[in-house]
């Protein structure tokens, strides 16, 4: 199941423990919508957090997100890798290596 970041969540606290795949996306973004079923499938393996760039513009700026979708792989709060654009499950797997 995908977790959507809400205004009640603290981004750093959410990703602090375990493996997290953070998806910076937007509802108007075609590639983001195409990626969603892949993320749904992937969410059975790791936690997936969706961040709407329109709703969380401040967070988007802090992380320098210039294009959506952008995926960021975290392990225990530490950034492992980042990917920009529509990707397949194999590419997402490689973000955690």
PDB file of N, CA and C in Angstrom:
ATOM      1  N   UNK A   1       0.835  -1.194   0.000  1.00  0.00           N
ATOM      2  CA  UNK A   1       0.000   0.000   0.000  1.00  0.00           C
ATOM      3  C   UNK A   1       0.870   1.245   0.000  1.00  0.00           C
ATOM      4  N   UNK A   2       0.502   2.204  -0.805  1.00  0.00           N
ATOM      5  CA  UNK A   2       1.239   3.454  -0.869  1.00  0.00           C
ATOM      6  C   UNK A   2       0.789   4.367   0.264  1.00  0.00           C
ATOM      7  N   UNK A   3       1.750   5.026   0.886  1.00  0.00           N
ATOM      8  CA  UNK A   3       1.442   6.003   1.925  1.00  0.00           C
ATOM      9  C   UNK A   3       1.610   7.384   1.313  1.00  0.00           C
ATOM     10  N   UNK A   4       0.584   8.199   1.426  1.00  0.00           N
ATOM     11  CA  UNK A   4       0.664   9.571   0.930  1.00  0.00           C
ATOM     12  C   UNK A   4       1.058  10.488   2.088  1.00  0.00           C
ATOM     13  N   UNK A   5       2.070  11.303   1.854  1.00  0.00           N
ATOM     14  CA  UNK A   5       2.499  12.259   2.865  1.00  0.00           C
ATOM     15  C   UNK A   5       1.368  13.248   3.121  1.00  0.00           C
ATOM     16  N   UNK A   6       1.081  13.498   4.385  1.00  0.00           N
ATOM     17  CA  UNK A   6       0.065  14.483   4.755  1.00  0.00           C
ATOM     18  C   UNK A   6       0.721  15.599   5.537  1.00  0.00           C
ATOM     19  N   UNK A   7      -0.010  16.665   5.746  1.00  0.00           N
ATOM     20  CA  UNK A   7       0.528  17.803   6.491  1.00  0.00           C
ATOM     21  C   UNK A   7       0.800  17.441   7.945  1.00  0.00           C
ATOM     22  N   UNK A   8       0.236  16.349   8.429  1.00  0.00           N
ATOM     23  CA  UNK A   8       0.483  15.904   9.803  1.00  0.00           C
ATOM     24  C   UNK A   8       1.755  15.077   9.935  1.00  0.00           C
ATOM     25  N   UNK A   9       2.342  14.666   8.817  1.00  0.00           N
ATOM     26  CA  UNK A   9       3.540  13.827   8.833  1.00  0.00           C
ATOM     27  C   UNK A   9       4.804  14.676   8.868  1.00  0.00           C
ATOM     28  N   UNK A  10       5.820  14.152   9.534  1.00  0.00           N
ATOM     29  CA  UNK A  10       7.153  14.743   9.510  1.00  0.00           C
ATOM     30  C   UNK A  10       7.982  13.855   8.585  1.00  0.00           C
ATOM     31  N   UNK A  11       8.372  14.389   7.442  1.00  0.00           N
ATOM     32  CA  UNK A  11       9.062  13.616   6.412  1.00  0.00           C
ATOM     33  C   UNK A  11      10.248  12.833   6.982  1.00  0.00           C
ATOM     34  N   UNK A  12      11.102  13.500   7.753  1.00  0.00           N
ATOM     35  CA  UNK A  12      12.296  12.846   8.295  1.00  0.00           C
ATOM     36  C   UNK A  12      11.940  11.713   9.255  1.00  0.00           C
ATOM     37  N   UNK A  13      10.895  11.889  10.039  1.00  0.00           N
ATOM     38  CA  UNK A  13      10.480  10.848  10.975  1.00  0.00           C
ATOM     39  C   UNK A  13       9.876   9.647  10.249  1.00  0.00           C
ATOM     40  N   UNK A  14       9.167   9.914   9.168  1.00  0.00           N
ATOM     41  CA  UNK A  14       8.522   8.836   8.417  1.00  0.00           C
ATOM     42  C   UNK A  14       9.571   7.893   7.837  1.00  0.00           C
ATOM     43  N   UNK A  15      10.641   8.449   7.245  1.00  0.00           N
ATOM     44  CA  UNK A  15      11.621   7.609   6.547  1.00  0.00           C
ATOM     45  C   UNK A  15      12.777   7.155   7.434  1.00  0.00           C
ATOM     46  N   UNK A  16      12.697   7.446   8.715  1.00  0.00           N
ATOM     47  CA  UNK A  16      13.809   7.193   9.629  1.00  0.00           C
ATOM     48  C   UNK A  16      14.168   5.711   9.774  1.00  0.00           C
ATOM     49  N   UNK A  17      13.201   4.832   9.762  1.00  0.00           N
ATOM     50  CA  UNK A  17      13.449   3.415  10.012  1.00  0.00           C
ATOM     51  C   UNK A  17      13.024   2.567   8.820  1.00  0.00           C
ATOM     52  N   UNK A  18      13.901   1.659   8.433  1.00  0.00           N
ATOM     53  CA  UNK A  18      13.583   0.724   7.364  1.00  0.00           C
ATOM     54  C   UNK A  18      13.875   1.278   5.984  1.00  0.00           C
ATOM     55  N   UNK A  19      13.461   0.524   4.994  1.00  0.00           N
ATOM     56  CA  UNK A  19      13.631   0.913   3.599  1.00  0.00           C
ATOM     57  C   UNK A  19      12.407   1.699   3.145  1.00  0.00           C
ATOM     58  N   UNK A  20      12.647   2.840   2.517  1.00  0.00           N
ATOM     59  CA  UNK A  20      11.576   3.683   1.999  1.00  0.00           C
ATOM     60  C   UNK A  20      11.894   4.094   0.576  1.00  0.00           C
ATOM     61  N   UNK A  21      10.921   4.034  -0.267  1.00  0.00           N
ATOM     62  CA  UNK A  21      11.009   4.585  -1.604  1.00  0.00           C
ATOM     63  C   UNK A  21      10.087   5.795  -1.615  1.00  0.00           C
ATOM     64  N   UNK A  22      10.666   6.969  -1.837  1.00  0.00           N
ATOM     65  CA  UNK A  22       9.883   8.205  -1.828  1.00  0.00           C
ATOM     66  C   UNK A  22       9.650   8.626  -3.271  1.00  0.00           C
ATOM     67  N   UNK A  23       8.381   8.815  -3.593  1.00  0.00           N
ATOM     68  CA  UNK A  23       7.946   9.173  -4.943  1.00  0.00           C
ATOM     69  C   UNK A  23       7.465  10.619  -4.937  1.00  0.00           C
ATOM     70  N   UNK A  24       8.258  11.512  -5.525  1.00  0.00           N
ATOM     71  CA  UNK A  24       7.828  12.897  -5.713  1.00  0.00           C
ATOM     72  C   UNK A  24       7.065  12.921  -7.030  1.00  0.00           C
ATOM     73  N   UNK A  25       5.770  13.243  -6.961  1.00  0.00           N
ATOM     74  CA  UNK A  25       4.927  13.162  -8.151  1.00  0.00           C
ATOM     75  C   UNK A  25       3.839  14.228  -8.097  1.00  0.00           C
ATOM     76  N   UNK A  26       3.014  14.231  -9.141  1.00  0.00           N
ATOM     77  CA  UNK A  26       1.898  15.181  -9.215  1.00  0.00           C
ATOM     78  C   UNK A  26       0.711  14.506  -9.903  1.00  0.00           C
ATOM     79  N   UNK A  27      -0.479  14.910  -9.526  1.00  0.00           N
ATOM     80  CA  UNK A  27      -1.687  14.289 -10.076  1.00  0.00           C
ATOM     81  C   UNK A  27      -1.844  14.562 -11.571  1.00  0.00           C
ATOM     82  N   UNK A  28      -1.290  15.655 -12.071  1.00  0.00           N
ATOM     83  CA  UNK A  28      -1.417  16.031 -13.479  1.00  0.00           C
ATOM     84  C   UNK A  28      -0.351  15.388 -14.367  1.00  0.00           C
ATOM     85  N   UNK A  29       0.574  14.657 -13.767  1.00  0.00           N
ATOM     86  CA  UNK A  29       1.740  14.101 -14.468  1.00  0.00           C
ATOM     87  C   UNK A  29       1.426  12.714 -15.043  1.00  0.00           C
ATOM     88  N   UNK A  30       1.419  12.590 -16.368  1.00  0.00           N
ATOM     89  CA  UNK A  30       1.151  11.318 -17.027  1.00  0.00           C
ATOM     90  C   UNK A  30       2.118  10.209 -16.631  1.00  0.00           C
ATOM     91  N   UNK A  31       3.445  10.440 -16.712  1.00  0.00           N
ATOM     92  CA  UNK A  31       4.385   9.401 -16.297  1.00  0.00           C
ATOM     93  C   UNK A  31       4.222   9.005 -14.825  1.00  0.00           C
ATOM     94  N   UNK A  32       3.824   9.947 -13.980  1.00  0.00           N
ATOM     95  CA  UNK A  32       3.585   9.635 -12.564  1.00  0.00           C
ATOM     96  C   UNK A  32       2.431   8.645 -12.432  1.00  0.00           C
ATOM     97  N   UNK A  33       1.372   8.875 -13.189  1.00  0.00           N
ATOM     98  CA  UNK A  33       0.221   7.969 -13.152  1.00  0.00           C
ATOM     99  C   UNK A  33       0.586   6.601 -13.715  1.00  0.00           C
ATOM    100  N   UNK A  34       1.454   6.572 -14.715  1.00  0.00           N
ATOM    101  CA  UNK A  34       1.897   5.293 -15.287  1.00  0.00           C
ATOM    102  C   UNK A  34       2.782   4.525 -14.304  1.00  0.00           C
ATOM    103  N   UNK A  35       3.499   5.241 -13.456  1.00  0.00           N
ATOM    104  CA  UNK A  35       4.399   4.626 -12.483  1.00  0.00           C
ATOM    105  C   UNK A  35       3.643   4.062 -11.280  1.00  0.00           C
ATOM    106  N   UNK A  36       2.477   4.599 -10.995  1.00  0.00           N
ATOM    107  CA  UNK A  36       1.740   4.217  -9.791  1.00  0.00           C
ATOM    108  C   UNK A  36       1.469   2.716  -9.663  1.00  0.00           C
ATOM    109  N   UNK A  37       1.042   1.998 -10.716  1.00  0.00           N
ATOM    110  CA  UNK A  37       0.839   0.553 -10.555  1.00  0.00           C
ATOM    111  C   UNK A  37       2.145  -0.191 -10.216  1.00  0.00           C
ATOM    112  N   UNK A  38       3.250   0.268 -10.760  1.00  0.00           N
ATOM    113  CA  UNK A  38       4.550  -0.333 -10.442  1.00  0.00           C
ATOM    114  C   UNK A  38       4.870  -0.102  -8.972  1.00  0.00           C
ATOM    115  N   UNK A  39       4.594   1.103  -8.486  1.00  0.00           N
ATOM    116  CA  UNK A  39       4.844   1.413  -7.079  1.00  0.00           C
ATOM    117  C   UNK A  39       3.926   0.618  -6.166  1.00  0.00           C
ATOM    118  N   UNK A  40       2.671   0.434  -6.590  1.00  0.00           N
ATOM    119  CA  UNK A  40       1.732  -0.386  -5.811  1.00  0.00           C
ATOM    120  C   UNK A  40       2.288  -1.794  -5.649  1.00  0.00           C
ATOM    121  N   UNK A  41       2.766  -2.363  -6.741  1.00  0.00           N
ATOM    122  CA  UNK A  41       3.357  -3.701  -6.704  1.00  0.00           C
ATOM    123  C   UNK A  41       4.610  -3.705  -5.827  1.00  0.00           C
ATOM    124  N   UNK A  42       5.416  -2.686  -5.974  1.00  0.00           N
ATOM    125  CA  UNK A  42       6.678  -2.596  -5.230  1.00  0.00           C
ATOM    126  C   UNK A  42       6.442  -2.412  -3.736  1.00  0.00           C
ATOM    127  N   UNK A  43       5.306  -1.827  -3.380  1.00  0.00           N
ATOM    128  CA  UNK A  43       5.031  -1.530  -1.969  1.00  0.00           C
ATOM    129  C   UNK A  43       4.850  -2.787  -1.119  1.00  0.00           C
ATOM    130  N   UNK A  44       4.749  -3.952  -1.755  1.00  0.00           N
ATOM    131  CA  UNK A  44       4.696  -5.189  -0.977  1.00  0.00           C
ATOM    132  C   UNK A  44       6.086  -5.566  -0.457  1.00  0.00           C
ATOM    133  N   UNK A  45       7.148  -4.976  -1.054  1.00  0.00           N
ATOM    134  CA  UNK A  45       8.529  -5.253  -0.649  1.00  0.00           C
ATOM    135  C   UNK A  45       9.105  -4.191   0.292  1.00  0.00           C
ATOM    136  N   UNK A  46       8.818  -2.936   0.011  1.00  0.00           N
ATOM    137  CA  UNK A  46       9.321  -1.831   0.834  1.00  0.00           C
ATOM    138  C   UNK A  46       8.214  -0.803   1.028  1.00  0.00           C
ATOM    139  N   UNK A  47       8.434   0.098   1.954  1.00  0.00           N
ATOM    140  CA  UNK A  47       7.501   1.193   2.187  1.00  0.00           C
ATOM    141  C   UNK A  47       7.622   2.203   1.045  1.00  0.00           C
ATOM    142  N   UNK A  48       6.495   2.654   0.534  1.00  0.00           N
ATOM    143  CA  UNK A  48       6.484   3.658  -0.528  1.00  0.00           C
ATOM    144  C   UNK A  48       5.721   4.882  -0.017  1.00  0.00           C
ATOM    145  N   UNK A  49       6.386   6.018  -0.083  1.00  0.00           N
ATOM    146  CA  UNK A  49       5.798   7.279   0.358  1.00  0.00           C
ATOM    147  C   UNK A  49       5.636   8.188  -0.846  1.00  0.00           C
ATOM    148  N   UNK A  50       4.416   8.625  -1.111  1.00  0.00           N
ATOM    149  CA  UNK A  50       4.160   9.551  -2.208  1.00  0.00           C
ATOM    150  C   UNK A  50       4.101  10.981  -1.668  1.00  0.00           C
ATOM    151  N   UNK A  51       4.832  11.858  -2.334  1.00  0.00           N
ATOM    152  CA  UNK A  51       4.850  13.275  -1.973  1.00  0.00           C
ATOM    153  C   UNK A  51       4.340  14.068  -3.173  1.00  0.00           C
ATOM    154  N   UNK A  52       3.206  14.729  -3.000  1.00  0.00           N
ATOM    155  CA  UNK A  52       2.632  15.552  -4.059  1.00  0.00           C
ATOM    156  C   UNK A  52       3.412  16.868  -4.115  1.00  0.00           C
ATOM    157  N   UNK A  53       4.084  17.126  -5.244  1.00  0.00           N
ATOM    158  CA  UNK A  53       4.940  18.310  -5.349  1.00  0.00           C
ATOM    159  C   UNK A  53       4.144  19.609  -5.296  1.00  0.00           C
ATOM    160  N   UNK A  54       2.876  19.559  -5.690  1.00  0.00           N
ATOM    161  CA  UNK A  54       2.055  20.763  -5.627  1.00  0.00           C
ATOM    162  C   UNK A  54       1.655  21.078  -4.189  1.00  0.00           C
ATOM    163  N   UNK A  55       1.410  20.054  -3.423  1.00  0.00           N
ATOM    164  CA  UNK A  55       0.996  20.239  -2.031  1.00  0.00           C
ATOM    165  C   UNK A  55       2.188  20.531  -1.108  1.00  0.00           C
ATOM    166  N   UNK A  56       3.336  19.957  -1.433  1.00  0.00           N
ATOM    167  CA  UNK A  56       4.525  20.109  -0.583  1.00  0.00           C
ATOM    168  C   UNK A  56       5.653  20.781  -1.354  1.00  0.00           C
ATOM    169  N   UNK A  57       5.368  21.972  -1.858  1.00  0.00           N
ATOM    170  CA  UNK A  57       6.354  22.737  -2.623  1.00  0.00           C
ATOM    171  C   UNK A  57       7.609  23.045  -1.837  1.00  0.00           C
ATOM    172  N   UNK A  58       7.465  23.287  -0.534  1.00  0.00           N
ATOM    173  CA  UNK A  58       8.641  23.589   0.288  1.00  0.00           C
ATOM    174  C   UNK A  58       9.581  22.388   0.353  1.00  0.00           C
ATOM    175  N   UNK A  59       9.045  21.211   0.533  1.00  0.00           N
ATOM    176  CA  UNK A  59       9.847  19.989   0.576  1.00  0.00           C
ATOM    177  C   UNK A  59      10.473  19.717  -0.793  1.00  0.00           C
ATOM    178  N   UNK A  60       9.709  19.978  -1.827  1.00  0.00           N
ATOM    179  CA  UNK A  60      10.200  19.811  -3.185  1.00  0.00           C
ATOM    180  C   UNK A  60      11.414  20.704  -3.430  1.00  0.00           C
ATOM    181  N   UNK A  61      11.353  21.934  -2.968  1.00  0.00           N
ATOM    182  CA  UNK A  61      12.479  22.859  -3.123  1.00  0.00           C
ATOM    183  C   UNK A  61      13.683  22.423  -2.296  1.00  0.00           C
ATOM    184  N   UNK A  62      13.448  21.988  -1.067  1.00  0.00           N
ATOM    185  CA  UNK A  62      14.544  21.544  -0.194  1.00  0.00           C
ATOM    186  C   UNK A  62      15.332  20.421  -0.853  1.00  0.00           C
ATOM    187  N   UNK A  63      14.645  19.491  -1.496  1.00  0.00           N
ATOM    188  CA  UNK A  63      15.303  18.341  -2.112  1.00  0.00           C
ATOM    189  C   UNK A  63      15.694  18.592  -3.571  1.00  0.00           C
ATOM    190  N   UNK A  64      15.453  19.793  -4.067  1.00  0.00           N
ATOM    191  CA  UNK A  64      15.871  20.147  -5.417  1.00  0.00           C
ATOM    192  C   UNK A  64      15.175  19.354  -6.514  1.00  0.00           C
ATOM    193  N   UNK A  65      13.915  19.023  -6.289  1.00  0.00           N
ATOM    194  CA  UNK A  65      13.159  18.265  -7.278  1.00  0.00           C
ATOM    195  C   UNK A  65      12.812  19.190  -8.437  1.00  0.00           C
ATOM    196  N   UNK A  66      13.327  18.849  -9.614  1.00  0.00           N
ATOM    197  CA  UNK A  66      13.109  19.680 -10.803  1.00  0.00           C
ATOM    198  C   UNK A  66      12.179  19.014 -11.807  1.00  0.00           C
ATOM    199  N   UNK A  67      11.955  17.706 -11.643  1.00  0.00           N
ATOM    200  CA  UNK A  67      11.157  16.953 -12.600  1.00  0.00           C
ATOM    201  C   UNK A  67      10.428  15.834 -11.862  1.00  0.00           C
ATOM    202  N   UNK A  68       9.237  15.507 -12.341  1.00  0.00           N
ATOM    203  CA  UNK A  68       8.487  14.400 -11.758  1.00  0.00           C
ATOM    204  C   UNK A  68       8.195  13.374 -12.839  1.00  0.00           C
ATOM    205  N   UNK A  69       8.157  12.114 -12.488  1.00  0.00           N
ATOM    206  CA  UNK A  69       8.388  11.585 -11.145  1.00  0.00           C
ATOM    207  C   UNK A  69       9.885  11.521 -10.803  1.00  0.00           C
ATOM    208  N   UNK A  70      10.172  11.738  -9.535  1.00  0.00           N
ATOM    209  CA  UNK A  70      11.507  11.531  -8.996  1.00  0.00           C
ATOM    210  C   UNK A  70      11.377  10.542  -7.856  1.00  0.00           C
ATOM    211  N   UNK A  71      12.186   9.497  -7.885  1.00  0.00           N
ATOM    212  CA  UNK A  71      12.198   8.484  -6.832  1.00  0.00           C
ATOM    213  C   UNK A  71      13.487   8.610  -6.038  1.00  0.00           C
ATOM    214  N   UNK A  72      13.353   8.519  -4.720  1.00  0.00           N
ATOM    215  CA  UNK A  72      14.518   8.554  -3.835  1.00  0.00           C
ATOM    216  C   UNK A  72      14.432   7.347  -2.911  1.00  0.00           C
ATOM    217  N   UNK A  73      15.506   6.546  -2.894  1.00  0.00           N
ATOM    218  CA  UNK A  73      15.547   5.333  -2.076  1.00  0.00           C
ATOM    219  C   UNK A  73      16.312   5.623  -0.792  1.00  0.00           C
ATOM    220  N   UNK A  74      15.684   5.316   0.335  1.00  0.00           N
ATOM    221  CA  UNK A  74      16.286   5.548   1.654  1.00  0.00           C
ATOM    222  C   UNK A  74      16.383   4.247   2.424  1.00  0.00           C
ATOM    223  N   UNK A  75      17.426   4.124   3.200  1.00  0.00           N
ATOM    224  CA  UNK A  75      17.554   3.027   4.161  1.00  0.00           C
ATOM    225  C   UNK A  75      17.884   3.668   5.506  1.00  0.00           C
ATOM    226  N   UNK A  76      16.980   3.472   6.471  1.00  0.00           N
ATOM    227  CA  UNK A  76      17.151   4.033   7.815  1.00  0.00           C
ATOM    228  C   UNK A  76      17.485   5.522   7.784  1.00  0.00           C
ATOM    229  N   UNK A  77      16.772   6.260   6.931  1.00  0.00           N
ATOM    230  CA  UNK A  77      16.911   7.708   6.873  1.00  0.00           C
ATOM    231  C   UNK A  77      18.050   8.221   6.019  1.00  0.00           C
ATOM    232  N   UNK A  78      18.839   7.338   5.435  1.00  0.00           N
ATOM    233  CA  UNK A  78      19.977   7.758   4.605  1.00  0.00           C
ATOM    234  C   UNK A  78      19.647   7.526   3.129  1.00  0.00           C
ATOM    235  N   UNK A  79      19.883   8.558   2.329  1.00  0.00           N
ATOM    236  CA  UNK A  79      19.626   8.462   0.895  1.00  0.00           C
ATOM    237  C   UNK A  79      20.630   7.517   0.246  1.00  0.00           C
ATOM    238  N   UNK A  80      20.107   6.520  -0.484  1.00  0.00           N
ATOM    239  CA  UNK A  80      20.961   5.570  -1.198  1.00  0.00           C
ATOM    240  C   UNK A  80      21.133   5.974  -2.659  1.00  0.00           C
ATOM    241  N   UNK A  81      20.028   6.231  -3.328  1.00  0.00           N
ATOM    242  CA  UNK A  81      20.045   6.560  -4.753  1.00  0.00           C
ATOM    243  C   UNK A  81      18.804   7.349  -5.130  1.00  0.00           C
ATOM    244  N   UNK A  82      18.867   7.913  -6.337  1.00  0.00           N
ATOM    245  CA  UNK A  82      17.777   8.740  -6.840  1.00  0.00           C
ATOM    246  C   UNK A  82      17.578   8.424  -8.324  1.00  0.00           C
ATOM    247  N   UNK A  83      16.332   8.492  -8.779  1.00  0.00           N
ATOM    248  CA  UNK A  83      16.011   8.250 -10.178  1.00  0.00           C
ATOM    249  C   UNK A  83      14.979   9.273 -10.626  1.00  0.00           C
ATOM    250  N   UNK A  84      15.127   9.742 -11.862  1.00  0.00           N
ATOM    251  CA  UNK A  84      14.193  10.728 -12.407  1.00  0.00           C
ATOM    252  C   UNK A  84      13.531  10.148 -13.644  1.00  0.00           C
ATOM    253  N   UNK A  85      12.214  10.266 -13.711  1.00  0.00           N
ATOM    254  CA  UNK A  85      11.473   9.800 -14.872  1.00  0.00           C
ATOM    255  C   UNK A  85      10.811   8.451 -14.632  1.00  0.00           C
ATOM    256  N   UNK A  86      10.097   8.002 -15.644  1.00  0.00           N
ATOM    257  CA  UNK A  86       9.382   6.727 -15.589  1.00  0.00           C
ATOM    258  C   UNK A  86      10.390   5.587 -15.652  1.00  0.00           C
ATOM    259  N   UNK A  87      10.322   4.672 -14.682  1.00  0.00           N
ATOM    260  CA  UNK A  87      11.266   3.554 -14.606  1.00  0.00           C
ATOM    261  C   UNK A  87      10.501   2.249 -14.384  1.00  0.00           C
ATOM    262  N   UNK A  88      11.210   1.122 -14.581  1.00  0.00           N
ATOM    263  CA  UNK A  88      10.601  -0.180 -14.341  1.00  0.00           C
ATOM    264  C   UNK A  88      11.008  -0.705 -12.960  1.00  0.00           C
ATOM    265  N   UNK A  89      10.438  -1.844 -12.574  1.00  0.00           N
ATOM    266  CA  UNK A  89      10.690  -2.413 -11.244  1.00  0.00           C
ATOM    267  C   UNK A  89      12.163  -2.770 -11.055  1.00  0.00           C
ATOM    268  N   UNK A  90      12.817  -3.244 -12.095  1.00  0.00           N
ATOM    269  CA  UNK A  90      14.240  -3.602 -12.007  1.00  0.00           C
ATOM    270  C   UNK A  90      15.086  -2.375 -11.660  1.00  0.00           C
ATOM    271  N   UNK A  91      14.774  -1.250 -12.277  1.00  0.00           N
ATOM    272  CA  UNK A  91      15.493  -0.012 -11.978  1.00  0.00           C
ATOM    273  C   UNK A  91      15.270   0.399 -10.532  1.00  0.00           C
ATOM    274  N   UNK A  92      14.047   0.243 -10.043  1.00  0.00           N
ATOM    275  CA  UNK A  92      13.753   0.575  -8.655  1.00  0.00           C
ATOM    276  C   UNK A  92      14.537  -0.352  -7.729  1.00  0.00           C
ATOM    277  N   UNK A  93      14.584  -1.637  -8.053  1.00  0.00           N
ATOM    278  CA  UNK A  93      15.381  -2.583  -7.250  1.00  0.00           C
ATOM    279  C   UNK A  93      16.836  -2.113  -7.132  1.00  0.00           C
ATOM    280  N   UNK A  94      17.383  -1.626  -8.235  1.00  0.00           N
ATOM    281  CA  UNK A  94      18.781  -1.188  -8.235  1.00  0.00           C
ATOM    282  C   UNK A  94      19.015   0.064  -7.394  1.00  0.00           C
ATOM    283  N   UNK A  95      17.963   0.817  -7.115  1.00  0.00           N
ATOM    284  CA  UNK A  95      18.120   2.001  -6.266  1.00  0.00           C
ATOM    285  C   UNK A  95      18.513   1.610  -4.840  1.00  0.00           C
ATOM    286  N   UNK A  96      18.179   0.408  -4.430  1.00  0.00           N
ATOM    287  CA  UNK A  96      18.475  -0.038  -3.072  1.00  0.00           C
ATOM    288  C   UNK A  96      19.798  -0.788  -2.965  1.00  0.00           C
ATOM    289  N   UNK A  97      20.572  -0.827  -4.034  1.00  0.00           N
ATOM    290  CA  UNK A  97      21.869  -1.528  -4.002  1.00  0.00           C
ATOM    291  C   UNK A  97      22.999  -0.564  -3.801  1.00  0.00           C
TER     292      UNK A  97
END
